């Protein structure tokens, strides 16, 4: 294929046909174009969304990719309101001319949950480096969306760094006052 030009559209007027726990609507569209060795794709979606009876909120998504399939890079942004609270996600994967890939979580938040970080990986995996942090201040924020009973908080940190010719991974997860239904406790995980 010398050059591809494709477009698509989707309209779901009632999301309950997808799952009984959903209400609202979804409109999405996108396109793929370019030579088969370096395609560009993008998509947008808008939804009025309610999950398990949560207040309906507007959520918008934008996704872009280029350099497909051999040298991909792209981004994803989500913003709007979910379960009566602002939600924002901004992530990207970037590839430079040397082939190094950088994966970024520029911003991710909803209610008491936050995440961010960046990881860089080149063809020499021993030189990989980066850090990722996540925080869930109140797991109960998920109760209505998941249709379950959770409580507690979790903090997580992942570090990746070169060390003695290898990639070294360090992981720390701390869960406090955790509760799933009637089961309660705390947990800590540290790994290298």
C-alpha atoms as a PDB file:
ATOM      1  CA  UNK A   1       0.000   0.000   0.000  1.00  0.00           C
ATOM      2  CA  UNK A   2       1.526   3.238  -1.146  1.00  0.00           C
ATOM      3  CA  UNK A   3      -0.847   5.585   0.662  1.00  0.00           C
ATOM      4  CA  UNK A   4      -3.755   4.839   2.994  1.00  0.00           C
ATOM      5  CA  UNK A   5      -6.687   7.122   3.779  1.00  0.00           C
ATOM      6  CA  UNK A   6      -9.294   5.651   6.170  1.00  0.00           C
ATOM      7  CA  UNK A   7     -11.951   7.290   8.340  1.00  0.00           C
ATOM      8  CA  UNK A   8     -14.388   5.843  10.861  1.00  0.00           C
ATOM      9  CA  UNK A   9     -17.280   7.030  13.029  1.00  0.00           C
ATOM     10  CA  UNK A  10     -19.271   5.443  15.836  1.00  0.00           C
ATOM     11  CA  UNK A  11     -22.385   6.583  17.669  1.00  0.00           C
ATOM     12  CA  UNK A  12     -23.833   4.692  20.654  1.00  0.00           C
ATOM     13  CA  UNK A  13     -26.997   6.495  21.727  1.00  0.00           C
ATOM     14  CA  UNK A  14     -27.534   4.277  24.803  1.00  0.00           C
ATOM     15  CA  UNK A  15     -24.480   2.813  26.579  1.00  0.00           C
ATOM     16  CA  UNK A  16     -26.660   0.376  28.533  1.00  0.00           C
ATOM     17  CA  UNK A  17     -26.638  -1.847  25.413  1.00  0.00           C
ATOM     18  CA  UNK A  18     -22.902  -2.338  26.097  1.00  0.00           C
ATOM     19  CA  UNK A  19     -23.308  -2.991  29.844  1.00  0.00           C
ATOM     20  CA  UNK A  20     -26.339  -2.720  32.164  1.00  0.00           C
ATOM     21  CA  UNK A  21     -24.231  -0.707  34.652  1.00  0.00           C
ATOM     22  CA  UNK A  22     -23.641   2.084  32.122  1.00  0.00           C
ATOM     23  CA  UNK A  23     -25.875   4.963  31.092  1.00  0.00           C
ATOM     24  CA  UNK A  24     -25.317   7.799  28.644  1.00  0.00           C
ATOM     25  CA  UNK A  25     -24.057   8.056  25.091  1.00  0.00           C
ATOM     26  CA  UNK A  26     -20.816   7.893  23.122  1.00  0.00           C
ATOM     27  CA  UNK A  27     -19.714   9.502  19.864  1.00  0.00           C
ATOM     28  CA  UNK A  28     -16.300   8.711  18.426  1.00  0.00           C
ATOM     29  CA  UNK A  29     -14.423   9.199  15.177  1.00  0.00           C
ATOM     30  CA  UNK A  30     -10.957   8.849  13.786  1.00  0.00           C
ATOM     31  CA  UNK A  31      -8.736   8.418  10.796  1.00  0.00           C
ATOM     32  CA  UNK A  32      -5.613   6.618   9.630  1.00  0.00           C
ATOM     33  CA  UNK A  33      -3.488   8.065   6.832  1.00  0.00           C
ATOM     34  CA  UNK A  34      -0.103   7.991   5.173  1.00  0.00           C
ATOM     35  CA  UNK A  35       2.282   5.490   3.633  1.00  0.00           C
ATOM     36  CA  UNK A  36       2.224   1.961   5.090  1.00  0.00           C
ATOM     37  CA  UNK A  37       5.715   2.492   6.531  1.00  0.00           C
ATOM     38  CA  UNK A  38       4.778   5.625   8.510  1.00  0.00           C
ATOM     39  CA  UNK A  39       1.076   5.831   9.272  1.00  0.00           C
ATOM     40  CA  UNK A  40      -0.592   8.554  11.305  1.00  0.00           C
ATOM     41  CA  UNK A  41      -3.745   7.824  13.300  1.00  0.00           C
ATOM     42  CA  UNK A  42      -5.985   9.940  15.471  1.00  0.00           C
ATOM     43  CA  UNK A  43      -9.263   9.496  17.302  1.00  0.00           C
ATOM     44  CA  UNK A  44     -11.638  11.597  19.353  1.00  0.00           C
ATOM     45  CA  UNK A  45     -14.532  10.552  21.560  1.00  0.00           C
ATOM     46  CA  UNK A  46     -17.147  12.383  23.600  1.00  0.00           C
ATOM     47  CA  UNK A  47     -19.374  10.687  26.135  1.00  0.00           C
ATOM     48  CA  UNK A  48     -22.080  11.508  28.599  1.00  0.00           C
ATOM     49  CA  UNK A  49     -21.290   8.766  31.111  1.00  0.00           C
ATOM     50  CA  UNK A  50     -22.866   7.340  34.252  1.00  0.00           C
ATOM     51  CA  UNK A  51     -21.591   4.159  35.933  1.00  0.00           C
ATOM     52  CA  UNK A  52     -23.671   2.246  38.523  1.00  0.00           C
ATOM     53  CA  UNK A  53     -26.009   5.223  38.857  1.00  0.00           C
ATOM     54  CA  UNK A  54     -23.301   7.863  39.360  1.00  0.00           C
ATOM     55  CA  UNK A  55     -24.107  11.420  38.287  1.00  0.00           C
ATOM     56  CA  UNK A  56     -23.712  11.698  34.507  1.00  0.00           C
ATOM     57  CA  UNK A  57     -20.608  13.554  33.407  1.00  0.00           C
ATOM     58  CA  UNK A  58     -19.080  14.631  30.122  1.00  0.00           C
ATOM     59  CA  UNK A  59     -15.812  12.878  29.242  1.00  0.00           C
ATOM     60  CA  UNK A  60     -13.696  13.665  26.168  1.00  0.00           C
ATOM     61  CA  UNK A  61     -10.813  11.634  24.756  1.00  0.00           C
ATOM     62  CA  UNK A  62      -8.197  12.516  22.141  1.00  0.00           C
ATOM     63  CA  UNK A  63      -5.607  10.009  20.908  1.00  0.00           C
ATOM     64  CA  UNK A  64      -2.855  10.547  18.321  1.00  0.00           C
ATOM     65  CA  UNK A  65      -0.188   8.224  16.957  1.00  0.00           C
ATOM     66  CA  UNK A  66       2.435   8.647  14.239  1.00  0.00           C
ATOM     67  CA  UNK A  67       5.279   6.661  12.769  1.00  0.00           C
ATOM     68  CA  UNK A  68       3.268   3.436  12.756  1.00  0.00           C
ATOM     69  CA  UNK A  69       4.219   0.634  12.661  1.00  0.00           C
ATOM     70  CA  UNK A  70       8.036   0.819  12.831  1.00  0.00           C
ATOM     71  CA  UNK A  71       8.767   3.973  14.857  1.00  0.00           C
ATOM     72  CA  UNK A  72       5.625   4.717  16.860  1.00  0.00           C
ATOM     73  CA  UNK A  73       4.978   7.662  19.128  1.00  0.00           C
ATOM     74  CA  UNK A  74       1.728   9.085  20.363  1.00  0.00           C
ATOM     75  CA  UNK A  75      -0.367  10.670  23.048  1.00  0.00           C
ATOM     76  CA  UNK A  76      -3.647  10.215  24.875  1.00  0.00           C
ATOM     77  CA  UNK A  77      -5.636  12.873  26.696  1.00  0.00           C
ATOM     78  CA  UNK A  78      -8.831  12.343  28.681  1.00  0.00           C
ATOM     79  CA  UNK A  79     -10.666  15.122  30.475  1.00  0.00           C
ATOM     80  CA  UNK A  80     -14.077  15.818  31.882  1.00  0.00           C
ATOM     81  CA  UNK A  81     -16.186  14.786  34.836  1.00  0.00           C
ATOM     82  CA  UNK A  82     -16.576  11.232  36.149  1.00  0.00           C
ATOM     83  CA  UNK A  83     -18.753  10.391  39.174  1.00  0.00           C
ATOM     84  CA  UNK A  84     -19.212  14.100  39.887  1.00  0.00           C
ATOM     85  CA  UNK A  85     -15.440  14.829  40.015  1.00  0.00           C
ATOM     86  CA  UNK A  86     -12.959  16.259  37.489  1.00  0.00           C
ATOM     87  CA  UNK A  87     -10.826  13.677  35.679  1.00  0.00           C
ATOM     88  CA  UNK A  88      -7.718  14.364  33.614  1.00  0.00           C
ATOM     89  CA  UNK A  89      -5.235  11.998  32.001  1.00  0.00           C
ATOM     90  CA  UNK A  90      -2.361  13.159  29.790  1.00  0.00           C
ATOM     91  CA  UNK A  91       0.090  10.457  28.710  1.00  0.00           C
ATOM     92  CA  UNK A  92       2.546  10.191  25.820  1.00  0.00           C
ATOM     93  CA  UNK A  93       5.141   7.910  24.299  1.00  0.00           C
ATOM     94  CA  UNK A  94       7.817   9.741  22.314  1.00  0.00           C
ATOM     95  CA  UNK A  95      10.507   8.228  20.119  1.00  0.00           C
ATOM     96  CA  UNK A  96      13.564  10.238  19.033  1.00  0.00           C
ATOM     97  CA  UNK A  97      15.795   9.726  15.979  1.00  0.00           C
ATOM     98  CA  UNK A  98      18.165   7.440  17.937  1.00  0.00           C
ATOM     99  CA  UNK A  99      15.291   5.088  18.781  1.00  0.00           C
ATOM    100  CA  UNK A 100      15.100   6.061  22.458  1.00  0.00           C
ATOM    101  CA  UNK A 101      11.536   5.903  23.769  1.00  0.00           C
ATOM    102  CA  UNK A 102      10.253   8.097  26.556  1.00  0.00           C
ATOM    103  CA  UNK A 103       6.942   7.172  28.185  1.00  0.00           C
ATOM    104  CA  UNK A 104       5.372  10.017  30.156  1.00  0.00           C
ATOM    105  CA  UNK A 105       2.453  10.337  32.511  1.00  0.00           C
ATOM    106  CA  UNK A 106       2.291  14.122  32.451  1.00  0.00           C
ATOM    107  CA  UNK A 107      -0.853  14.323  34.499  1.00  0.00           C
ATOM    108  CA  UNK A 108      -3.383  11.815  35.813  1.00  0.00           C
ATOM    109  CA  UNK A 109      -5.913  12.631  38.492  1.00  0.00           C
ATOM    110  CA  UNK A 110      -9.442  11.886  39.634  1.00  0.00           C
ATOM    111  CA  UNK A 111     -10.833  12.464  43.125  1.00  0.00           C
ATOM    112  CA  UNK A 112      -8.086  11.435  45.606  1.00  0.00           C
ATOM    113  CA  UNK A 113      -6.042   9.597  42.951  1.00  0.00           C
ATOM    114  CA  UNK A 114      -2.911  10.965  41.328  1.00  0.00           C
ATOM    115  CA  UNK A 115      -0.171   9.501  39.141  1.00  0.00           C
ATOM    116  CA  UNK A 116       2.844  10.849  37.291  1.00  0.00           C
ATOM    117  CA  UNK A 117       6.260   9.954  36.019  1.00  0.00           C
ATOM    118  CA  UNK A 118       8.509   9.231  33.082  1.00  0.00           C
ATOM    119  CA  UNK A 119      10.597   6.302  31.847  1.00  0.00           C
ATOM    120  CA  UNK A 120      13.287   6.409  29.131  1.00  0.00           C
ATOM    121  CA  UNK A 121      14.383   3.246  27.315  1.00  0.00           C
ATOM    122  CA  UNK A 122      16.931   2.954  24.508  1.00  0.00           C
ATOM    123  CA  UNK A 123      18.141  -0.062  22.544  1.00  0.00           C
ATOM    124  CA  UNK A 124      20.551  -0.639  25.454  1.00  0.00           C
ATOM    125  CA  UNK A 125      18.056  -1.716  28.126  1.00  0.00           C
ATOM    126  CA  UNK A 126      20.750  -1.506  30.810  1.00  0.00           C
ATOM    127  CA  UNK A 127      20.532   2.288  30.484  1.00  0.00           C
ATOM    128  CA  UNK A 128      16.783   2.472  31.172  1.00  0.00           C
ATOM    129  CA  UNK A 129      15.837   5.066  33.743  1.00  0.00           C
ATOM    130  CA  UNK A 130      12.776   6.721  35.185  1.00  0.00           C
ATOM    131  CA  UNK A 131      10.330   7.037  38.018  1.00  0.00           C
ATOM    132  CA  UNK A 132       6.602   6.542  38.477  1.00  0.00           C
ATOM    133  CA  UNK A 133       4.514   7.610  41.480  1.00  0.00           C
ATOM    134  CA  UNK A 134       0.868   6.817  42.232  1.00  0.00           C
ATOM    135  CA  UNK A 135      -1.341   7.811  45.150  1.00  0.00           C
ATOM    136  CA  UNK A 136      -4.868   6.748  46.028  1.00  0.00           C
ATOM    137  CA  UNK A 137      -5.853   8.712  49.109  1.00  0.00           C
ATOM    138  CA  UNK A 138      -9.248   7.038  49.474  1.00  0.00           C
ATOM    139  CA  UNK A 139      -9.988   3.769  47.673  1.00  0.00           C
ATOM    140  CA  UNK A 140     -13.644   4.376  48.556  1.00  0.00           C
ATOM    141  CA  UNK A 141     -13.657   6.806  45.616  1.00  0.00           C
ATOM    142  CA  UNK A 142     -13.918   3.699  43.407  1.00  0.00           C
ATOM    143  CA  UNK A 143     -16.910   2.142  45.180  1.00  0.00           C
ATOM    144  CA  UNK A 144     -19.687   3.446  42.961  1.00  0.00           C
ATOM    145  CA  UNK A 145     -17.780   2.859  39.711  1.00  0.00           C
ATOM    146  CA  UNK A 146     -16.798  -0.705  40.630  1.00  0.00           C
ATOM    147  CA  UNK A 147     -19.992  -1.567  42.478  1.00  0.00           C
ATOM    148  CA  UNK A 148     -18.037  -2.792  45.504  1.00  0.00           C
ATOM    149  CA  UNK A 149     -16.918  -1.689  48.981  1.00  0.00           C
ATOM    150  CA  UNK A 150     -13.284  -0.589  49.253  1.00  0.00           C
ATOM    151  CA  UNK A 151     -11.510   1.601  51.804  1.00  0.00           C
ATOM    152  CA  UNK A 152      -7.987   2.684  52.658  1.00  0.00           C
ATOM    153  CA  UNK A 153      -5.151   4.368  50.850  1.00  0.00           C
ATOM    154  CA  UNK A 154      -2.249   3.236  48.677  1.00  0.00           C
ATOM    155  CA  UNK A 155       1.015   4.935  47.758  1.00  0.00           C
ATOM    156  CA  UNK A 156       3.328   3.406  45.166  1.00  0.00           C
ATOM    157  CA  UNK A 157       6.712   4.351  43.753  1.00  0.00           C
ATOM    158  CA  UNK A 158       8.691   2.629  41.003  1.00  0.00           C
ATOM    159  CA  UNK A 159      12.264   3.654  40.157  1.00  0.00           C
ATOM    160  CA  UNK A 160      14.298   2.357  37.233  1.00  0.00           C
ATOM    161  CA  UNK A 161      17.994   3.188  36.951  1.00  0.00           C
ATOM    162  CA  UNK A 162      21.214   1.848  35.399  1.00  0.00           C
ATOM    163  CA  UNK A 163      23.410  -0.068  37.851  1.00  0.00           C
ATOM    164  CA  UNK A 164      26.510  -2.149  37.156  1.00  0.00           C
ATOM    165  CA  UNK A 165      25.592  -2.787  33.516  1.00  0.00           C
ATOM    166  CA  UNK A 166      21.973  -3.724  34.200  1.00  0.00           C
ATOM    167  CA  UNK A 167      18.657  -1.947  34.639  1.00  0.00           C
ATOM    168  CA  UNK A 168      17.844  -1.840  38.370  1.00  0.00           C
ATOM    169  CA  UNK A 169      14.188  -1.730  39.440  1.00  0.00           C
ATOM    170  CA  UNK A 170      13.080  -0.561  42.878  1.00  0.00           C
ATOM    171  CA  UNK A 171       9.420  -0.906  43.885  1.00  0.00           C
ATOM    172  CA  UNK A 172       7.679   0.362  47.026  1.00  0.00           C
ATOM    173  CA  UNK A 173       3.948  -0.019  47.711  1.00  0.00           C
ATOM    174  CA  UNK A 174       2.328   1.011  50.978  1.00  0.00           C
ATOM    175  CA  UNK A 175      -1.337   0.216  51.673  1.00  0.00           C
ATOM    176  CA  UNK A 176      -2.906   1.491  54.880  1.00  0.00           C
ATOM    177  CA  UNK A 177      -6.305   0.856  56.468  1.00  0.00           C
ATOM    178  CA  UNK A 178      -7.229  -1.338  53.499  1.00  0.00           C
ATOM    179  CA  UNK A 179     -10.674  -2.873  53.397  1.00  0.00           C
ATOM    180  CA  UNK A 180     -12.390  -5.030  50.772  1.00  0.00           C
ATOM    181  CA  UNK A 181     -15.880  -5.913  51.944  1.00  0.00           C
ATOM    182  CA  UNK A 182     -15.394  -7.350  55.448  1.00  0.00           C
ATOM    183  CA  UNK A 183     -11.653  -8.077  55.036  1.00  0.00           C
ATOM    184  CA  UNK A 184      -9.379  -5.400  56.532  1.00  0.00           C
ATOM    185  CA  UNK A 185      -5.639  -4.901  56.930  1.00  0.00           C
ATOM    186  CA  UNK A 186      -2.518  -3.101  55.820  1.00  0.00           C
ATOM    187  CA  UNK A 187       0.253  -4.162  53.452  1.00  0.00           C
ATOM    188  CA  UNK A 188       3.718  -3.042  52.468  1.00  0.00           C
ATOM    189  CA  UNK A 189       5.759  -4.282  49.546  1.00  0.00           C
ATOM    190  CA  UNK A 190       9.384  -3.402  48.878  1.00  0.00           C
ATOM    191  CA  UNK A 191      11.280  -5.078  46.062  1.00  0.00           C
ATOM    192  CA  UNK A 192      14.566  -4.548  44.196  1.00  0.00           C
END
